[in-house]
Amino acid sequence: MTFTAQIKVMPLKDLLDPQGKAVLGGLQNLGLTGISDVRIGKQIDLKIEASSKEEAHQMASEASKKLLANPVMEMFEITII
């Protein structure tokens, strides 16, 4: 079966997000002062051939740990559809 793994990679909450801070400053300059924080991450979609959702999740997790996310600076969440 073919599954789609959606992997959301975000900076760890304790780390500074310079991109997010720059966007927040830009939004405030535009007069959007009700926004108090911006965090910028990435979404990666993988098409995976696997026999089960669990196997697809395992493959996506391995890919995330080894290549797609930096565990020192980022966390990831996987959704299999």
PDB file of N, CA and C in Angstrom:
ATOM      1  N   MET A   1       0.826  -1.184   0.000  1.00  0.00           N
ATOM      2  CA  MET A   1       0.000   0.000   0.000  1.00  0.00           C
ATOM      3  C   MET A   1       0.875   1.255   0.000  1.00  0.00           C
ATOM      4  N   THR A   2       0.311   2.317  -0.523  1.00  0.00           N
ATOM      5  CA  THR A   2       1.015   3.596  -0.521  1.00  0.00           C
ATOM      6  C   THR A   2       0.405   4.501   0.550  1.00  0.00           C
ATOM      7  N   PHE A   3       1.270   5.018   1.404  1.00  0.00           N
ATOM      8  CA  PHE A   3       0.857   5.943   2.456  1.00  0.00           C
ATOM      9  C   PHE A   3       1.554   7.270   2.230  1.00  0.00           C
ATOM     10  N   THR A   4       0.957   8.328   2.751  1.00  0.00           N
ATOM     11  CA  THR A   4       1.600   9.641   2.758  1.00  0.00           C
ATOM     12  C   THR A   4       1.954   9.965   4.196  1.00  0.00           C
ATOM     13  N   ALA A   5       3.218  10.253   4.417  1.00  0.00           N
ATOM     14  CA  ALA A   5       3.676  10.691   5.736  1.00  0.00           C
ATOM     15  C   ALA A   5       3.861  12.198   5.672  1.00  0.00           C
ATOM     16  N   GLN A   6       3.146  12.910   6.527  1.00  0.00           N
ATOM     17  CA  GLN A   6       3.320  14.354   6.645  1.00  0.00           C
ATOM     18  C   GLN A   6       4.160  14.588   7.893  1.00  0.00           C
ATOM     19  N   ILE A   7       5.322  15.177   7.693  1.00  0.00           N
ATOM     20  CA  ILE A   7       6.252  15.406   8.788  1.00  0.00           C
ATOM     21  C   ILE A   7       6.361  16.904   9.023  1.00  0.00           C
ATOM     22  N   LYS A   8       5.991  17.322  10.225  1.00  0.00           N
ATOM     23  CA  LYS A   8       6.086  18.734  10.606  1.00  0.00           C
ATOM     24  C   LYS A   8       7.340  18.890  11.458  1.00  0.00           C
ATOM     25  N   VAL A   9       8.266  19.714  10.998  1.00  0.00           N
ATOM     26  CA  VAL A   9       9.518  19.960  11.708  1.00  0.00           C
ATOM     27  C   VAL A   9       9.498  21.404  12.210  1.00  0.00           C
ATOM     28  N   MET A  10       9.716  21.568  13.522  1.00  0.00           N
ATOM     29  CA  MET A  10       9.690  22.892  14.146  1.00  0.00           C
ATOM     30  C   MET A  10      10.905  23.068  15.045  1.00  0.00           C
ATOM     31  N   PRO A  11      11.362  24.307  15.220  1.00  0.00           N
ATOM     32  CA  PRO A  11      12.454  24.543  16.171  1.00  0.00           C
ATOM     33  C   PRO A  11      11.991  24.177  17.582  1.00  0.00           C
ATOM     34  N   LEU A  12      12.911  23.695  18.394  1.00  0.00           N
ATOM     35  CA  LEU A  12      12.580  23.415  19.790  1.00  0.00           C
ATOM     36  C   LEU A  12      12.089  24.694  20.455  1.00  0.00           C
ATOM     37  N   LYS A  13      11.135  24.561  21.360  1.00  0.00           N
ATOM     38  CA  LYS A  13      10.514  25.729  21.993  1.00  0.00           C
ATOM     39  C   LYS A  13      11.517  26.572  22.781  1.00  0.00           C
ATOM     40  N   ASP A  14      12.538  25.956  23.328  1.00  0.00           N
ATOM     41  CA  ASP A  14      13.526  26.682  24.135  1.00  0.00           C
ATOM     42  C   ASP A  14      14.551  27.452  23.306  1.00  0.00           C
ATOM     43  N   LEU A  15      14.589  27.205  21.993  1.00  0.00           N
ATOM     44  CA  LEU A  15      15.585  27.856  21.135  1.00  0.00           C
ATOM     45  C   LEU A  15      15.007  29.083  20.444  1.00  0.00           C
ATOM     46  N   LEU A  16      15.853  30.061  20.229  1.00  0.00           N
ATOM     47  CA  LEU A  16      15.490  31.257  19.481  1.00  0.00           C
ATOM     48  C   LEU A  16      15.193  30.872  18.035  1.00  0.00           C
ATOM     49  N   ASP A  17      14.154  31.461  17.478  1.00  0.00           N
ATOM     50  CA  ASP A  17      13.798  31.253  16.081  1.00  0.00           C
ATOM     51  C   ASP A  17      14.002  32.579  15.348  1.00  0.00           C
ATOM     52  N   PRO A  18      15.205  32.825  14.796  1.00  0.00           N
ATOM     53  CA  PRO A  18      15.480  34.120  14.162  1.00  0.00           C
ATOM     54  C   PRO A  18      14.524  34.444  13.011  1.00  0.00           C
ATOM     55  N   GLN A  19      14.147  33.438  12.227  1.00  0.00           N
ATOM     56  CA  GLN A  19      13.208  33.671  11.135  1.00  0.00           C
ATOM     57  C   GLN A  19      11.862  34.131  11.683  1.00  0.00           C
ATOM     58  N   GLY A  20      11.406  33.456  12.723  1.00  0.00           N
ATOM     59  CA  GLY A  20      10.137  33.820  13.343  1.00  0.00           C
ATOM     60  C   GLY A  20      10.172  35.220  13.917  1.00  0.00           C
ATOM     61  N   LYS A  21      11.290  35.589  14.557  1.00  0.00           N
ATOM     62  CA  LYS A  21      11.418  36.938  15.132  1.00  0.00           C
ATOM     63  C   LYS A  21      11.394  37.995  14.028  1.00  0.00           C
ATOM     64  N   ALA A  22      12.044  37.714  12.899  1.00  0.00           N
ATOM     65  CA  ALA A  22      12.045  38.667  11.787  1.00  0.00           C
ATOM     66  C   ALA A  22      10.638  38.847  11.224  1.00  0.00           C
ATOM     67  N   VAL A  23       9.907  37.751  11.079  1.00  0.00           N
ATOM     68  CA  VAL A  23       8.537  37.840  10.571  1.00  0.00           C
ATOM     69  C   VAL A  23       7.650  38.576  11.568  1.00  0.00           C
ATOM     70  N   LEU A  24       7.818  38.300  12.856  1.00  0.00           N
ATOM     71  CA  LEU A  24       7.048  38.998  13.879  1.00  0.00           C
ATOM     72  C   LEU A  24       7.285  40.505  13.802  1.00  0.00           C
ATOM     73  N   GLY A  25       8.537  40.918  13.637  1.00  0.00           N
ATOM     74  CA  GLY A  25       8.848  42.339  13.491  1.00  0.00           C
ATOM     75  C   GLY A  25       8.175  42.939  12.273  1.00  0.00           C
ATOM     76  N   GLY A  26       8.185  42.200  11.157  1.00  0.00           N
ATOM     77  CA  GLY A  26       7.532  42.671   9.940  1.00  0.00           C
ATOM     78  C   GLY A  26       6.031  42.804  10.108  1.00  0.00           C
ATOM     79  N   LEU A  27       5.418  41.846  10.780  1.00  0.00           N
ATOM     80  CA  LEU A  27       3.975  41.918  11.021  1.00  0.00           C
ATOM     81  C   LEU A  27       3.623  43.112  11.899  1.00  0.00           C
ATOM     82  N   GLN A  28       4.439  43.352  12.923  1.00  0.00           N
ATOM     83  CA  GLN A  28       4.188  44.497  13.792  1.00  0.00           C
ATOM     84  C   GLN A  28       4.365  45.810  13.034  1.00  0.00           C
ATOM     85  N   ASN A  29       5.346  45.868  12.128  1.00  0.00           N
ATOM     86  CA  ASN A  29       5.530  47.061  11.293  1.00  0.00           C
ATOM     87  C   ASN A  29       4.337  47.309  10.379  1.00  0.00           C
ATOM     88  N   LEU A  30       3.620  46.242  10.042  1.00  0.00           N
ATOM     89  CA  LEU A  30       2.426  46.371   9.205  1.00  0.00           C
ATOM     90  C   LEU A  30       1.184  46.719  10.018  1.00  0.00           C
ATOM     91  N   GLY A  31       1.365  46.860  11.327  1.00  0.00           N
ATOM     92  CA  GLY A  31       0.248  47.227  12.177  1.00  0.00           C
ATOM     93  C   GLY A  31      -0.505  46.047  12.765  1.00  0.00           C
ATOM     94  N   LEU A  32      -0.001  44.838  12.569  1.00  0.00           N
ATOM     95  CA  LEU A  32      -0.648  43.642  13.113  1.00  0.00           C
ATOM     96  C   LEU A  32      -0.076  43.358  14.495  1.00  0.00           C
ATOM     97  N   THR A  33      -0.470  44.183  15.459  1.00  0.00           N
ATOM     98  CA  THR A  33       0.140  44.140  16.790  1.00  0.00           C
ATOM     99  C   THR A  33      -0.467  43.077  17.696  1.00  0.00           C
ATOM    100  N   GLY A  34      -1.536  42.431  17.299  1.00  0.00           N
ATOM    101  CA  GLY A  34      -2.150  41.395  18.128  1.00  0.00           C
ATOM    102  C   GLY A  34      -1.423  40.072  18.090  1.00  0.00           C
ATOM    103  N   ILE A  35      -0.430  39.950  17.226  1.00  0.00           N
ATOM    104  CA  ILE A  35       0.337  38.702  17.112  1.00  0.00           C
ATOM    105  C   ILE A  35       1.543  38.809  18.035  1.00  0.00           C
ATOM    106  N   SER A  36       1.670  37.829  18.941  1.00  0.00           N
ATOM    107  CA  SER A  36       2.722  37.938  19.954  1.00  0.00           C
ATOM    108  C   SER A  36       3.914  37.016  19.718  1.00  0.00           C
ATOM    109  N   ASP A  37       3.791  35.999  18.852  1.00  0.00           N
ATOM    110  CA  ASP A  37       4.916  35.104  18.620  1.00  0.00           C
ATOM    111  C   ASP A  37       4.758  34.440  17.261  1.00  0.00           C
ATOM    112  N   VAL A  38       5.867  34.193  16.594  1.00  0.00           N
ATOM    113  CA  VAL A  38       5.878  33.494  15.313  1.00  0.00           C
ATOM    114  C   VAL A  38       6.985  32.443  15.377  1.00  0.00           C
ATOM    115  N   ARG A  39       6.653  31.205  15.015  1.00  0.00           N
ATOM    116  CA  ARG A  39       7.635  30.134  14.906  1.00  0.00           C
ATOM    117  C   ARG A  39       7.537  29.604  13.476  1.00  0.00           C
ATOM    118  N   ILE A  40       8.658  29.465  12.815  1.00  0.00           N
ATOM    119  CA  ILE A  40       8.658  29.015  11.428  1.00  0.00           C
ATOM    120  C   ILE A  40       9.333  27.653  11.350  1.00  0.00           C
ATOM    121  N   GLY A  41       8.652  26.736  10.698  1.00  0.00           N
ATOM    122  CA  GLY A  41       9.167  25.383  10.520  1.00  0.00           C
ATOM    123  C   GLY A  41       9.004  24.962   9.074  1.00  0.00           C
ATOM    124  N   LYS A  42       8.890  23.662   8.885  1.00  0.00           N
ATOM    125  CA  LYS A  42       8.718  23.144   7.520  1.00  0.00           C
ATOM    126  C   LYS A  42       7.842  21.905   7.575  1.00  0.00           C
ATOM    127  N   GLN A  43       7.164  21.637   6.474  1.00  0.00           N
ATOM    128  CA  GLN A  43       6.396  20.410   6.331  1.00  0.00           C
ATOM    129  C   GLN A  43       6.977  19.624   5.175  1.00  0.00           C
ATOM    130  N   ILE A  44       7.192  18.347   5.419  1.00  0.00           N
ATOM    131  CA  ILE A  44       7.752  17.457   4.413  1.00  0.00           C
ATOM    132  C   ILE A  44       6.756  16.329   4.201  1.00  0.00           C
ATOM    133  N   ASP A  45       6.373  16.071   2.950  1.00  0.00           N
ATOM    134  CA  ASP A  45       5.477  14.966   2.625  1.00  0.00           C
ATOM    135  C   ASP A  45       6.270  13.872   1.929  1.00  0.00           C
ATOM    136  N   LEU A  46       6.117  12.648   2.426  1.00  0.00           N
ATOM    137  CA  LEU A  46       6.780  11.487   1.833  1.00  0.00           C
ATOM    138  C   LEU A  46       5.721  10.498   1.351  1.00  0.00           C
ATOM    139  N   LYS A  47       5.874   9.961   0.161  1.00  0.00           N
ATOM    140  CA  LYS A  47       5.055   8.839  -0.310  1.00  0.00           C
ATOM    141  C   LYS A  47       5.827   7.580   0.048  1.00  0.00           C
ATOM    142  N   ILE A  48       5.198   6.702   0.818  1.00  0.00           N
ATOM    143  CA  ILE A  48       5.886   5.524   1.340  1.00  0.00           C
ATOM    144  C   ILE A  48       5.126   4.261   0.951  1.00  0.00           C
ATOM    145  N   GLU A  49       5.838   3.305   0.394  1.00  0.00           N
ATOM    146  CA  GLU A  49       5.288   1.973   0.129  1.00  0.00           C
ATOM    147  C   GLU A  49       5.562   1.124   1.364  1.00  0.00           C
ATOM    148  N   ALA A  50       4.487   0.664   2.022  1.00  0.00           N
ATOM    149  CA  ALA A  50       4.627  -0.142   3.229  1.00  0.00           C
ATOM    150  C   ALA A  50       3.411  -1.052   3.357  1.00  0.00           C
ATOM    151  N   SER A  51       3.555  -2.087   4.163  1.00  0.00           N
ATOM    152  CA  SER A  51       2.452  -3.042   4.328  1.00  0.00           C
ATOM    153  C   SER A  51       1.433  -2.586   5.369  1.00  0.00           C
ATOM    154  N   SER A  52       1.799  -1.599   6.215  1.00  0.00           N
ATOM    155  CA  SER A  52       0.873  -1.110   7.239  1.00  0.00           C
ATOM    156  C   SER A  52       1.192   0.336   7.600  1.00  0.00           C
ATOM    157  N   LYS A  53       0.248   0.985   8.282  1.00  0.00           N
ATOM    158  CA  LYS A  53       0.480   2.353   8.756  1.00  0.00           C
ATOM    159  C   LYS A  53       1.650   2.392   9.729  1.00  0.00           C
ATOM    160  N   GLU A  54       1.743   1.358  10.555  1.00  0.00           N
ATOM    161  CA  GLU A  54       2.813   1.304  11.549  1.00  0.00           C
ATOM    162  C   GLU A  54       4.183   1.239  10.873  1.00  0.00           C
ATOM    163  N   GLU A  55       4.288   0.436   9.820  1.00  0.00           N
ATOM    164  CA  GLU A  55       5.554   0.334   9.087  1.00  0.00           C
ATOM    165  C   GLU A  55       5.885   1.667   8.403  1.00  0.00           C
ATOM    166  N   ALA A  56       4.871   2.315   7.834  1.00  0.00           N
ATOM    167  CA  ALA A  56       5.084   3.616   7.192  1.00  0.00           C
ATOM    168  C   ALA A  56       5.543   4.637   8.230  1.00  0.00           C
ATOM    169  N   HIS A  57       4.942   4.615   9.418  1.00  0.00           N
ATOM    170  CA  HIS A  57       5.340   5.537  10.491  1.00  0.00           C
ATOM    171  C   HIS A  57       6.791   5.276  10.897  1.00  0.00           C
ATOM    172  N   GLN A  58       7.154   4.010  11.016  1.00  0.00           N
ATOM    173  CA  GLN A  58       8.528   3.634  11.378  1.00  0.00           C
ATOM    174  C   GLN A  58       9.521   4.170  10.349  1.00  0.00           C
ATOM    175  N   MET A  59       9.205   4.029   9.070  1.00  0.00           N
ATOM    176  CA  MET A  59      10.096   4.508   8.008  1.00  0.00           C
ATOM    177  C   MET A  59      10.210   6.033   8.049  1.00  0.00           C
ATOM    178  N   ALA A  60       9.086   6.719   8.249  1.00  0.00           N
ATOM    179  CA  ALA A  60       9.100   8.178   8.319  1.00  0.00           C
ATOM    180  C   ALA A  60       9.890   8.649   9.540  1.00  0.00           C
ATOM    181  N   SER A  61       9.742   7.947  10.643  1.00  0.00           N
ATOM    182  CA  SER A  61      10.472   8.300  11.860  1.00  0.00           C
ATOM    183  C   SER A  61      11.979   8.139  11.656  1.00  0.00           C
ATOM    184  N   GLU A  62      12.370   7.047  11.025  1.00  0.00           N
ATOM    185  CA  GLU A  62      13.791   6.816  10.753  1.00  0.00           C
ATOM    186  C   GLU A  62      14.352   7.893   9.828  1.00  0.00           C
ATOM    187  N   ALA A  63      13.593   8.244   8.788  1.00  0.00           N
ATOM    188  CA  ALA A  63      14.037   9.295   7.867  1.00  0.00           C
ATOM    189  C   ALA A  63      14.171  10.630   8.587  1.00  0.00           C
ATOM    190  N   SER A  64      13.233  10.917   9.486  1.00  0.00           N
ATOM    191  CA  SER A  64      13.260  12.181  10.226  1.00  0.00           C
ATOM    192  C   SER A  64      14.461  12.253  11.156  1.00  0.00           C
ATOM    193  N   LYS A  65      14.715  11.168  11.863  1.00  0.00           N
ATOM    194  CA  LYS A  65      15.836  11.134  12.813  1.00  0.00           C
ATOM    195  C   LYS A  65      17.189  11.208  12.108  1.00  0.00           C
ATOM    196  N   LYS A  66      17.291  10.555  10.944  1.00  0.00           N
ATOM    197  CA  LYS A  66      18.585  10.467  10.263  1.00  0.00           C
ATOM    198  C   LYS A  66      18.880  11.627   9.320  1.00  0.00           C
ATOM    199  N   LEU A  67      17.821  12.283   8.787  1.00  0.00           N
ATOM    200  CA  LEU A  67      18.087  13.281   7.751  1.00  0.00           C
ATOM    201  C   LEU A  67      17.205  14.529   7.812  1.00  0.00           C
ATOM    202  N   LEU A  68      15.925  14.369   8.047  1.00  0.00           N
ATOM    203  CA  LEU A  68      14.989  15.473   7.850  1.00  0.00           C
ATOM    204  C   LEU A  68      14.951  16.491   8.981  1.00  0.00           C
ATOM    205  N   ALA A  69      15.285  16.076  10.204  1.00  0.00           N
ATOM    206  CA  ALA A  69      15.255  16.988  11.352  1.00  0.00           C
ATOM    207  C   ALA A  69      16.572  16.886  12.114  1.00  0.00           C
ATOM    208  N   ASN A  70      16.997  18.004  12.660  1.00  0.00           N
ATOM    209  CA  ASN A  70      18.193  18.039  13.505  1.00  0.00           C
ATOM    210  C   ASN A  70      17.721  17.943  14.960  1.00  0.00           C
ATOM    211  N   PRO A  71      17.912  16.785  15.611  1.00  0.00           N
ATOM    212  CA  PRO A  71      17.361  16.603  16.957  1.00  0.00           C
ATOM    213  C   PRO A  71      17.936  17.557  18.009  1.00  0.00           C
ATOM    214  N   VAL A  72      19.064  18.167  17.736  1.00  0.00           N
ATOM    215  CA  VAL A  72      19.651  19.127  18.668  1.00  0.00           C
ATOM    216  C   VAL A  72      18.850  20.426  18.671  1.00  0.00           C
ATOM    217  N   MET A  73      18.269  20.773  17.517  1.00  0.00           N
ATOM    218  CA  MET A  73      17.594  22.063  17.373  1.00  0.00           C
ATOM    219  C   MET A  73      16.115  21.969  17.009  1.00  0.00           C
ATOM    220  N   GLU A  74      15.654  20.788  16.573  1.00  0.00           N
ATOM    221  CA  GLU A  74      14.298  20.679  16.040  1.00  0.00           C
ATOM    222  C   GLU A  74      13.567  19.466  16.619  1.00  0.00           C
ATOM    223  N   MET A  75      12.244  19.575  16.635  1.00  0.00           N
ATOM    224  CA  MET A  75      11.386  18.431  16.955  1.00  0.00           C
ATOM    225  C   MET A  75      10.551  18.136  15.724  1.00  0.00           C
ATOM    226  N   PHE A  76       9.997  16.910  15.663  1.00  0.00           N
ATOM    227  CA  PHE A  76       9.161  16.576  14.525  1.00  0.00           C
ATOM    228  C   PHE A  76       7.934  15.784  14.972  1.00  0.00           C
ATOM    229  N   GLU A  77       6.878  15.923  14.197  1.00  0.00           N
ATOM    230  CA  GLU A  77       5.635  15.182  14.395  1.00  0.00           C
ATOM    231  C   GLU A  77       5.278  14.528  13.073  1.00  0.00           C
ATOM    232  N   ILE A  78       4.819  13.282  13.141  1.00  0.00           N
ATOM    233  CA  ILE A  78       4.499  12.527  11.934  1.00  0.00           C
ATOM    234  C   ILE A  78       3.009  12.190  11.927  1.00  0.00           C
ATOM    235  N   THR A  79       2.367  12.434  10.791  1.00  0.00           N
ATOM    236  CA  THR A  79       0.984  12.031  10.568  1.00  0.00           C
ATOM    237  C   THR A  79       0.974  11.147   9.322  1.00  0.00           C
ATOM    238  N   ILE A  80       0.392   9.967   9.439  1.00  0.00           N
ATOM    239  CA  ILE A  80       0.297   9.045   8.297  1.00  0.00           C
ATOM    240  C   ILE A  80      -1.135   9.089   7.786  1.00  0.00           C
ATOM    241  N   ILE A  81      -1.280   9.342   6.479  1.00  0.00           N
ATOM    242  CA  ILE A  81      -2.614   9.342   5.864  1.00  0.00           C
ATOM    243  C   ILE A  81      -2.630   8.412   4.663  1.00  0.00           C
TER     244      ILE A  81
END
